[in-house]
Amino acid sequence: MSTPEAGRVAFLRTVEIHRAAPHVQQLDEHLRAAGAEAKLFFTDGDCGPGDFPGPSERVPTDATPRQIAEQIRRWGANAFVSISLRDENALRDALVAAELAADGVANVMHGAETTCLLANKAETKALLRRAGFCVPDDVAVDGDVLNGRTVPMPGYRDYLARRANEIGFPLLSKPLWDSFGNGIRYLGNPAALAEYLRSPLDGNTLLERCLDGELCSVEIIGRVGTYHVQPLVWKGRTGGEPSFLFGLVRYAGPRPEAERNFEDVAERLVRLCSELDVNGALEVEMIYRDGVYHVIEINPRVSGTTLLSIVASGRNTYVELLNMALQNWPDPRRTSLTGIRWALEFPITDPTPSLLRDAAAAIDVVRAGTLRISGQDYGGNMVASCEFGEEPSFVKAINELNARHRFLEPRILHEIRDLLVPGGLTARSA
């Protein structure tokens, strides 16, 4: 299809735009080639020169979907793309898209019903069960009933305890609507559950069997007829107390057996996307255990997986969303994208200018610096890539950088070494 006349594409974002670097800046050449222009409407952080390939405009954090749509209309957009994070913001964006669609503005965002369904963990898991996916056992907890804020149900606490024992320990308590791993509580035994059920709950939660396995996720991009399944991203072990999302080594890289086991799951996820009329990007989170993928949630938006997915496949999610907005999306087909390089994300202790300079000269640094989420600093973070076949050289360079700057905790350095050079650096790079 041809590019729409005018070619004004509005992007809506919550969470600091610098977390979409460097790939959101790569929209520039595609906008120029299409004769289009883009503008960022954002709520969080700042957008300075070079942060986005076009002008930007702040949106009040308490603005309604209708008010945001009106702000975008005033600019004269004829296409709209959601790149917001956190599920509640995705739902807001879906409503903005519906407001704009009534005026004939093309949009890249799932419908509000689909977005709301996927933002609710209990609804998502019920859908997944009906579709035949493996999901951990769970029971929904109504905080109002449990804490006597509605009709009295004297047997409710006993019912929850009985269901929890049937599911088996350990359990995780997850807020029904929250994301980013917020509010998750580990319940290792019946005594911990009893204490939990006696404590006041502000909202509704899900008690879910805590599986021992590997946390992983996959990003899917597209609309009905064409979906791209990005490479798997691996995020560390599960089965114990929740850990900080960015405190471990996260990576995408070759795992032939795990990839073969995922092929059928990927096919079924694509069918589910078609049934839900998915329009844009989403992230599917899973636990891989004994060769089986247990789906735990679906985030209806771009995510923390997006960056590593782009690095691993070479396929820029933000460019794909732009192409969808400009109607330059591929002919109907489905493509599972193959990883073409290692993508690694890991915490660093102190992102000093000298470290960042030396690292950029020694390895392929995609992004590095202070990790800031919702205005709060969480130490340092680095994303790097390594070409297949260059693993020993990469590990050697990381060792030398760490000897000079001491920017990696020993456990992180060891994990990178073991991941890239399983037999040991000496044996493979002597």
Protein backbone atom coordinates (compact mmCIF):
# COMPACT_ATOMS: atom_id res chain seq x y z
CA MET A 1 0.00 0.00 0.00
CA SER A 2 1.08 3.57 -0.51
CA THR A 3 2.05 5.97 2.24
CA PRO A 4 -0.95 8.04 3.41
CA GLU A 5 -1.03 11.60 2.17
CA ALA A 6 0.36 14.06 4.78
CA GLY A 7 2.23 11.27 6.62
CA ARG A 8 1.99 12.66 10.15
CA VAL A 9 2.52 9.86 12.68
CA ALA A 10 1.89 10.52 16.38
CA PHE A 11 3.73 8.28 18.87
CA LEU A 12 2.41 8.12 22.44
CA ARG A 13 4.79 7.12 25.22
CA THR A 14 4.94 6.69 28.96
CA VAL A 15 8.22 5.71 30.63
CA GLU A 16 11.27 7.75 29.68
CA ILE A 17 11.94 7.79 25.93
CA HIS A 18 15.68 7.27 26.51
CA ARG A 19 14.85 3.65 27.35
CA ALA A 20 13.85 3.20 23.70
CA ALA A 21 17.33 4.33 22.58
CA PRO A 22 19.11 3.80 20.27
CA HIS A 23 16.44 2.16 18.13
CA VAL A 24 13.73 4.80 18.28
CA GLN A 25 16.20 7.28 16.74
CA GLN A 26 16.54 4.93 13.76
CA LEU A 27 13.02 5.90 12.71
CA ASP A 28 14.55 9.00 11.13
CA GLU A 29 15.82 7.43 7.91
CA HIS A 30 12.54 5.55 7.40
CA LEU A 31 10.50 8.69 7.96
CA ARG A 32 12.63 10.56 5.42
CA ALA A 33 12.32 7.75 2.88
CA ALA A 34 8.53 7.78 3.28
CA GLY A 35 8.27 11.56 3.17
CA ALA A 36 6.58 11.40 6.56
CA GLU A 37 7.09 13.12 9.89
CA ALA A 38 6.63 11.97 13.47
CA LYS A 39 5.92 13.65 16.78
CA LEU A 40 6.27 12.18 20.26
CA PHE A 41 3.57 12.80 22.84
CA PHE A 42 4.96 11.77 26.24
CA THR A 43 4.11 11.83 29.94
CA ASP A 44 7.29 10.80 31.79
CA GLY A 45 10.85 12.08 31.83
CA ASP A 46 12.14 14.57 29.28
CA CYS A 47 12.66 14.50 25.53
CA GLY A 48 15.69 16.51 24.50
CA PRO A 49 17.47 17.04 21.19
CA GLY A 50 18.31 13.72 19.58
CA ASP A 51 16.03 11.66 21.84
CA PHE A 52 13.36 11.33 19.14
CA PRO A 53 13.45 11.99 15.37
CA GLY A 54 10.93 14.79 15.44
CA PRO A 55 9.29 17.31 17.76
CA SER A 56 7.83 16.32 21.09
CA GLU A 57 5.00 17.51 23.30
CA ARG A 58 4.34 16.73 26.94
CA VAL A 59 1.02 15.17 27.91
CA PRO A 60 -0.35 15.68 31.45
CA THR A 61 -0.08 12.44 33.40
CA ASP A 62 -3.73 12.71 34.45
CA ALA A 63 -5.06 13.45 30.96
CA THR A 64 -8.03 11.37 29.85
CA PRO A 65 -7.94 9.37 26.60
CA ARG A 66 -10.27 11.95 25.03
CA GLN A 67 -8.01 14.83 26.08
CA ILE A 68 -4.93 13.05 24.70
CA ALA A 69 -6.72 12.34 21.44
CA GLU A 70 -7.64 16.01 21.14
CA GLN A 71 -4.00 17.01 21.77
CA ILE A 72 -2.93 14.67 18.96
CA ARG A 73 -5.71 15.93 16.65
CA ARG A 74 -4.48 19.51 17.05
CA TRP A 75 -1.16 18.46 15.55
CA GLY A 76 -2.99 17.01 12.56
CA ALA A 77 -1.88 13.38 12.86
CA ASN A 78 -3.26 10.93 10.35
CA ALA A 79 -1.68 7.88 12.03
CA PHE A 80 -1.18 6.90 15.68
CA VAL A 81 1.27 4.43 17.28
CA SER A 82 1.34 3.37 20.94
CA ILE A 83 4.79 2.73 22.43
CA SER A 84 3.78 3.12 26.07
CA LEU A 85 4.82 0.77 28.85
CA ARG A 86 2.90 -0.66 31.76
CA ASP A 87 -0.40 -2.30 31.04
CA GLU A 88 -2.57 0.48 32.46
CA ASN A 89 -1.00 2.90 29.98
CA ALA A 90 -1.53 0.43 27.15
CA LEU A 91 -5.23 0.38 27.99
CA ARG A 92 -5.32 4.17 27.97
CA ASP A 93 -3.60 4.17 24.57
CA ALA A 94 -6.14 1.68 23.20
CA LEU A 95 -8.89 4.13 24.13
CA VAL A 96 -6.95 7.01 22.54
CA ALA A 97 -6.68 4.91 19.37
CA ALA A 98 -10.44 4.33 19.38
CA GLU A 99 -11.10 8.07 19.75
CA LEU A 100 -8.79 8.86 16.83
CA ALA A 101 -10.11 6.03 14.66
CA ALA A 102 -13.55 7.66 14.78
CA ASP A 103 -11.96 10.56 12.86
CA GLY A 104 -10.34 8.26 10.32
CA VAL A 105 -6.87 8.27 11.92
CA ALA A 106 -5.06 5.00 11.23
CA ASN A 107 -3.72 3.38 14.38
CA VAL A 108 -1.27 0.75 15.54
CA MET A 109 -2.73 -0.43 18.83
CA HIS A 110 -4.86 -3.36 19.91
CA GLY A 111 -8.54 -2.82 20.62
CA ALA A 112 -9.54 -1.82 24.14
CA GLU A 113 -11.23 -5.18 24.82
CA THR A 114 -8.14 -7.17 23.85
CA THR A 115 -5.83 -4.83 25.78
CA CYS A 116 -7.96 -5.00 28.94
CA LEU A 117 -8.21 -8.79 28.72
CA LEU A 118 -4.42 -9.17 28.42
CA ALA A 119 -3.76 -6.67 31.22
CA ASN A 120 -5.79 -8.80 33.64
CA LYS A 121 -3.73 -11.82 34.70
CA ALA A 122 -6.73 -14.00 35.61
CA GLU A 123 -8.55 -13.26 32.35
CA THR A 124 -5.37 -13.89 30.36
CA LYS A 125 -4.74 -17.25 31.97
CA ALA A 126 -8.35 -18.34 31.48
CA LEU A 127 -7.97 -17.48 27.79
CA LEU A 128 -4.69 -19.39 27.58
CA ARG A 129 -6.22 -22.47 29.17
CA ARG A 130 -9.09 -22.43 26.70
CA ALA A 131 -6.56 -22.17 23.87
CA GLY A 132 -4.68 -25.25 25.13
CA PHE A 133 -1.50 -23.62 26.48
CA CYS A 134 0.29 -24.92 29.57
CA VAL A 135 -0.18 -22.44 32.41
CA PRO A 136 0.66 -22.69 36.13
CA ASP A 137 -2.29 -23.50 38.39
CA ASP A 138 -3.77 -20.53 40.23
CA VAL A 139 -6.70 -19.14 42.17
CA ALA A 140 -7.96 -15.54 42.05
CA VAL A 141 -8.22 -13.65 45.35
CA ASP A 142 -10.89 -10.96 45.76
CA GLY A 143 -9.43 -8.43 48.19
CA ASP A 144 -12.84 -6.89 48.93
CA VAL A 145 -14.36 -10.24 49.94
CA LEU A 146 -11.28 -11.31 51.89
CA ASN A 147 -11.22 -8.08 53.90
CA GLY A 148 -14.96 -7.76 54.52
CA ARG A 149 -15.57 -4.80 52.21
CA THR A 150 -18.52 -6.48 50.48
CA VAL A 151 -21.03 -9.25 51.18
CA PRO A 152 -19.86 -11.40 54.12
CA MET A 153 -18.42 -14.77 53.05
CA PRO A 154 -17.18 -16.49 56.23
CA GLY A 155 -15.86 -19.51 54.33
CA TYR A 156 -13.86 -17.55 51.75
CA ARG A 157 -10.52 -17.59 53.58
CA ASP A 158 -10.85 -21.35 54.15
CA TYR A 159 -11.69 -21.86 50.48
CA LEU A 160 -8.55 -20.01 49.40
CA ALA A 161 -6.41 -22.04 51.81
CA ARG A 162 -7.90 -25.27 50.46
CA ARG A 163 -7.30 -24.28 46.82
CA ALA A 164 -3.76 -23.19 47.64
CA ASN A 165 -3.00 -26.58 49.17
CA GLU A 166 -4.43 -28.30 46.09
CA ILE A 167 -2.23 -26.17 43.84
CA GLY A 168 0.85 -26.80 45.97
CA PHE A 169 3.63 -24.69 47.44
CA PRO A 170 5.53 -22.50 46.90
CA LEU A 171 3.09 -19.90 45.63
CA LEU A 172 3.39 -16.40 44.27
CA SER A 173 0.85 -13.70 45.04
CA LYS A 174 0.58 -11.36 42.03
CA PRO A 175 -1.49 -8.18 41.76
CA LEU A 176 -4.18 -8.85 39.18
CA TRP A 177 -3.48 -5.68 37.21
CA ASP A 178 0.08 -4.53 37.97
CA SER A 179 3.14 -5.19 35.81
CA PHE A 180 6.95 -4.86 35.84
CA GLY A 181 7.01 -7.51 38.58
CA ASN A 182 5.59 -5.03 41.09
CA GLY A 183 3.89 -6.31 44.23
CA ILE A 184 4.77 -9.98 43.80
CA ARG A 185 5.02 -11.86 47.10
CA TYR A 186 6.57 -15.30 47.68
CA LEU A 187 4.61 -17.70 49.88
CA GLY A 188 6.75 -20.72 50.65
CA ASN A 189 4.46 -22.74 52.92
CA PRO A 190 0.97 -22.86 54.55
CA ALA A 191 2.10 -20.65 57.44
CA ALA A 192 3.16 -17.89 55.03
CA LEU A 193 -0.16 -18.24 53.23
CA ALA A 194 -2.12 -17.98 56.52
CA GLU A 195 -0.28 -14.77 57.41
CA TYR A 196 -0.94 -13.43 53.89
CA LEU A 197 -4.68 -14.18 54.15
CA ARG A 198 -4.86 -12.35 57.49
CA SER A 199 -3.21 -9.22 56.11
CA PRO A 200 -5.26 -6.47 54.45
CA LEU A 201 -5.23 -6.48 50.63
CA ASP A 202 -5.66 -3.23 48.74
CA GLY A 203 -6.86 -4.97 45.60
CA ASN A 204 -7.36 -8.29 43.86
CA THR A 205 -4.52 -10.77 43.38
CA LEU A 206 -3.71 -14.12 41.87
CA LEU A 207 -2.21 -16.98 43.86
CA GLU A 208 -0.09 -18.88 41.34
CA ARG A 209 2.06 -21.99 41.64
CA CYS A 210 5.71 -20.89 41.70
CA LEU A 211 7.46 -23.07 39.15
CA ASP A 212 11.16 -23.92 39.25
CA GLY A 213 12.48 -23.21 35.78
CA GLU A 214 13.78 -20.44 33.52
CA LEU A 215 11.93 -17.21 32.93
CA CYS A 216 11.82 -16.24 29.27
CA SER A 217 9.74 -14.09 26.97
CA VAL A 218 9.09 -13.45 23.31
CA GLU A 219 7.92 -10.37 21.46
CA ILE A 220 5.36 -10.65 18.67
CA ILE A 221 4.76 -7.77 16.24
CA GLY A 222 2.09 -7.39 13.59
CA ARG A 223 -1.55 -7.42 12.67
CA VAL A 224 -3.89 -10.08 11.34
CA GLY A 225 -2.27 -11.78 8.35
CA THR A 226 1.31 -10.99 9.27
CA TYR A 227 3.00 -11.56 12.61
CA HIS A 228 6.74 -11.57 13.31
CA VAL A 229 7.89 -13.69 16.25
CA GLN A 230 11.15 -12.31 17.62
CA PRO A 231 13.87 -14.55 19.16
CA LEU A 232 13.42 -15.85 22.70
CA VAL A 233 14.85 -13.72 25.51
CA TRP A 234 16.07 -15.51 28.65
CA LYS A 235 15.81 -13.77 32.04
CA GLY A 236 17.11 -16.10 34.74
CA ARG A 237 15.95 -18.82 37.13
CA THR A 238 12.56 -18.96 38.80
CA GLY A 239 11.26 -20.86 41.81
CA GLY A 240 12.25 -18.63 44.72
CA GLU A 241 11.85 -15.10 46.01
CA PRO A 242 11.21 -12.54 43.24
CA SER A 243 14.31 -10.66 42.11
CA PHE A 244 14.80 -7.23 40.56
CA LEU A 245 13.99 -7.36 36.85
CA PHE A 246 17.33 -5.87 35.80
CA GLY A 247 19.57 -7.41 38.46
CA LEU A 248 20.55 -10.49 36.43
CA VAL A 249 22.05 -11.26 33.04
CA ARG A 250 19.28 -11.27 30.44
CA TYR A 251 20.10 -12.52 26.97
CA ALA A 252 19.03 -13.79 23.59
CA GLY A 253 21.28 -16.41 22.01
CA PRO A 254 21.44 -19.87 20.45
CA ARG A 255 19.59 -22.63 22.31
CA PRO A 256 18.66 -25.15 19.59
CA GLU A 257 16.69 -27.61 21.72
CA ALA A 258 14.70 -24.88 23.49
CA GLU A 259 14.01 -23.23 20.13
CA ARG A 260 12.73 -26.49 18.63
CA ASN A 261 10.46 -27.00 21.63
CA PHE A 262 9.11 -23.49 21.12
CA GLU A 263 8.07 -23.91 17.47
CA ASP A 264 4.62 -25.31 18.21
CA VAL A 265 4.04 -22.75 20.98
CA ALA A 266 4.95 -19.96 18.55
CA GLU A 267 2.45 -21.25 15.98
CA ARG A 268 -0.32 -21.32 18.58
CA LEU A 269 0.57 -17.85 19.84
CA VAL A 270 0.28 -16.48 16.31
CA ARG A 271 -3.16 -18.06 15.95
CA LEU A 272 -4.16 -16.51 19.28
CA CYS A 273 -2.92 -13.10 18.10
CA SER A 274 -5.12 -13.42 15.02
CA GLU A 275 -8.15 -14.37 17.10
CA LEU A 276 -7.58 -11.35 19.37
CA ASP A 277 -6.95 -9.02 16.41
CA VAL A 278 -3.59 -8.00 17.86
CA ASN A 279 -2.42 -4.81 16.16
CA GLY A 280 1.06 -3.73 17.21
CA ALA A 281 3.44 -5.35 19.68
CA LEU A 282 3.04 -7.60 22.69
CA GLU A 283 5.27 -9.64 25.00
CA VAL A 284 4.53 -13.20 26.09
CA GLU A 285 6.17 -14.25 29.38
CA MET A 286 6.82 -17.93 30.05
CA ILE A 287 8.61 -20.35 32.34
CA TYR A 288 10.60 -23.06 30.56
CA ARG A 289 10.67 -26.25 32.60
CA ASP A 290 11.60 -29.78 31.50
CA GLY A 291 11.21 -28.89 27.84
CA VAL A 292 7.75 -27.33 28.30
CA TYR A 293 6.77 -23.66 28.06
CA HIS A 294 4.30 -22.53 30.73
CA VAL A 295 2.77 -19.19 29.74
CA ILE A 296 2.30 -16.89 32.74
CA GLU A 297 1.16 -13.61 31.21
CA ILE A 298 0.89 -11.51 28.06
CA ASN A 299 1.76 -7.82 28.13
CA PRO A 300 -0.15 -5.95 25.38
CA ARG A 301 2.62 -3.48 24.55
CA VAL A 302 6.31 -2.98 23.92
CA SER A 303 8.35 -4.08 26.91
CA GLY A 304 11.75 -4.63 28.46
CA THR A 305 12.11 -7.49 25.99
CA THR A 306 11.92 -5.12 23.01
CA LEU A 307 15.51 -3.89 23.20
CA LEU A 308 17.09 -7.35 23.34
CA SER A 309 14.72 -8.64 20.67
CA ILE A 310 15.82 -5.91 18.27
CA VAL A 311 19.51 -6.51 18.93
CA ALA A 312 19.18 -10.28 18.52
CA SER A 313 17.16 -10.28 15.29
CA GLY A 314 18.24 -7.03 13.67
CA ARG A 315 14.54 -6.24 13.17
CA ASN A 316 13.66 -2.89 14.76
CA THR A 317 10.28 -3.08 16.51
CA TYR A 318 9.76 0.69 16.34
CA VAL A 319 10.43 0.71 12.59
CA GLU A 320 8.00 -2.17 12.13
CA LEU A 321 5.31 -0.25 14.03
CA LEU A 322 5.99 2.80 11.87
CA ASN A 323 5.66 0.69 8.72
CA MET A 324 2.33 -0.59 10.00
CA ALA A 325 1.16 2.99 10.55
CA LEU A 326 2.26 3.95 7.03
CA GLN A 327 0.59 0.83 5.57
CA ASN A 328 3.99 -0.47 4.41
CA TRP A 329 3.53 -3.81 6.16
CA PRO A 330 4.52 -7.07 4.39
CA ASP A 331 2.12 -9.21 2.41
CA PRO A 332 0.20 -11.78 4.48
CA ARG A 333 2.66 -14.25 5.95
CA ARG A 334 4.10 -15.25 9.28
CA THR A 335 7.81 -15.11 10.03
CA SER A 336 9.70 -16.50 13.02
CA LEU A 337 12.74 -14.29 13.12
CA THR A 338 16.07 -16.04 13.63
CA GLY A 339 18.66 -14.64 16.00
CA ILE A 340 21.69 -13.32 14.14
CA ARG A 341 23.84 -12.35 17.14
CA TRP A 342 24.01 -12.53 20.94
CA ALA A 343 22.14 -9.79 22.82
CA LEU A 344 23.17 -9.29 26.46
CA GLU A 345 21.86 -7.02 29.20
CA PHE A 346 23.47 -6.88 32.64
CA PRO A 347 23.87 -4.59 35.66
CA ILE A 348 27.04 -2.56 36.10
CA THR A 349 28.18 -0.98 39.31
CA ASP A 350 29.18 2.51 38.19
CA PRO A 351 28.69 3.84 34.63
CA THR A 352 31.58 6.30 34.72
CA PRO A 353 32.49 8.26 31.57
CA SER A 354 35.85 6.49 31.36
CA LEU A 355 34.20 3.07 31.55
CA LEU A 356 31.65 3.94 28.88
CA ARG A 357 34.39 5.29 26.61
CA ASP A 358 36.62 2.24 27.03
CA ALA A 359 33.70 -0.19 26.69
CA ALA A 360 32.55 1.42 23.44
CA ALA A 361 36.06 0.96 22.04
CA ALA A 362 36.37 -2.68 23.15
CA ILE A 363 32.93 -4.26 22.56
CA ASP A 364 29.71 -3.51 20.73
CA VAL A 365 27.84 -1.46 23.33
CA VAL A 366 24.23 -0.90 22.31
CA ARG A 367 23.31 1.24 25.30
CA ALA A 368 24.88 1.90 28.69
CA GLY A 369 24.42 4.27 31.58
CA THR A 370 22.28 4.85 34.63
CA LEU A 371 19.10 2.78 34.76
CA ARG A 372 16.23 5.15 35.51
CA ILE A 373 12.65 3.94 35.86
CA SER A 374 9.82 6.41 36.58
CA GLY A 375 12.35 8.99 37.69
CA GLN A 376 14.15 6.68 40.14
CA ASP A 377 17.75 5.50 39.62
CA TYR A 378 18.50 1.79 39.88
CA GLY A 379 22.27 1.77 39.40
CA GLY A 380 23.94 1.09 36.09
CA ASN A 381 22.94 -1.03 33.14
CA MET A 382 24.64 -2.14 29.93
CA VAL A 383 23.31 -3.74 26.76
CA ALA A 384 25.85 -5.23 24.38
CA SER A 385 25.92 -7.54 21.41
CA CYS A 386 28.36 -10.22 20.31
CA GLU A 387 28.53 -11.74 16.85
CA PHE A 388 28.25 -15.50 16.64
CA GLY A 389 31.75 -16.97 16.54
CA GLU A 390 33.28 -13.99 18.38
CA GLU A 391 32.43 -15.16 21.90
CA PRO A 392 36.02 -15.75 23.14
CA SER A 393 37.11 -12.31 21.96
CA PHE A 394 34.12 -10.70 23.65
CA VAL A 395 34.78 -12.45 26.96
CA LYS A 396 38.46 -11.55 26.79
CA ALA A 397 37.53 -7.89 26.25
CA ILE A 398 35.04 -7.97 29.14
CA ASN A 399 37.69 -9.47 31.43
CA GLU A 400 40.16 -6.74 30.52
CA LEU A 401 37.56 -4.01 30.97
CA ASN A 402 36.59 -5.37 34.36
CA ALA A 403 40.22 -5.60 35.47
CA ARG A 404 40.55 -1.90 34.63
CA HIS A 405 37.22 -0.56 35.91
CA ARG A 406 35.75 -3.18 38.29
CA PHE A 407 32.26 -2.51 36.94
CA LEU A 408 30.88 -6.05 37.18
CA GLU A 409 29.99 -8.03 40.28
CA PRO A 410 31.80 -11.41 40.24
CA ARG A 411 28.56 -13.38 39.78
CA ILE A 412 27.63 -11.30 36.72
CA LEU A 413 31.08 -11.69 35.18
CA HIS A 414 31.02 -15.46 35.76
CA GLU A 415 27.54 -15.75 34.24
CA ILE A 416 28.62 -13.90 31.08
CA ARG A 417 31.70 -16.11 30.77
CA ASP A 418 29.76 -19.33 31.29
CA LEU A 419 27.05 -18.28 28.85
CA LEU A 420 29.35 -17.32 25.97
CA VAL A 421 32.27 -19.71 26.54
CA PRO A 422 30.85 -22.76 28.33
CA GLY A 423 34.15 -24.67 28.28
CA GLY A 424 36.16 -21.84 29.75
CA LEU A 425 38.01 -18.98 28.12
CA THR A 426 41.44 -20.57 28.34
CA ALA A 427 40.39 -23.70 26.49
CA ARG A 428 38.76 -21.80 23.63
CA SER A 429 40.88 -18.70 23.17
CA ALA A 430 44.41 -19.70 24.07
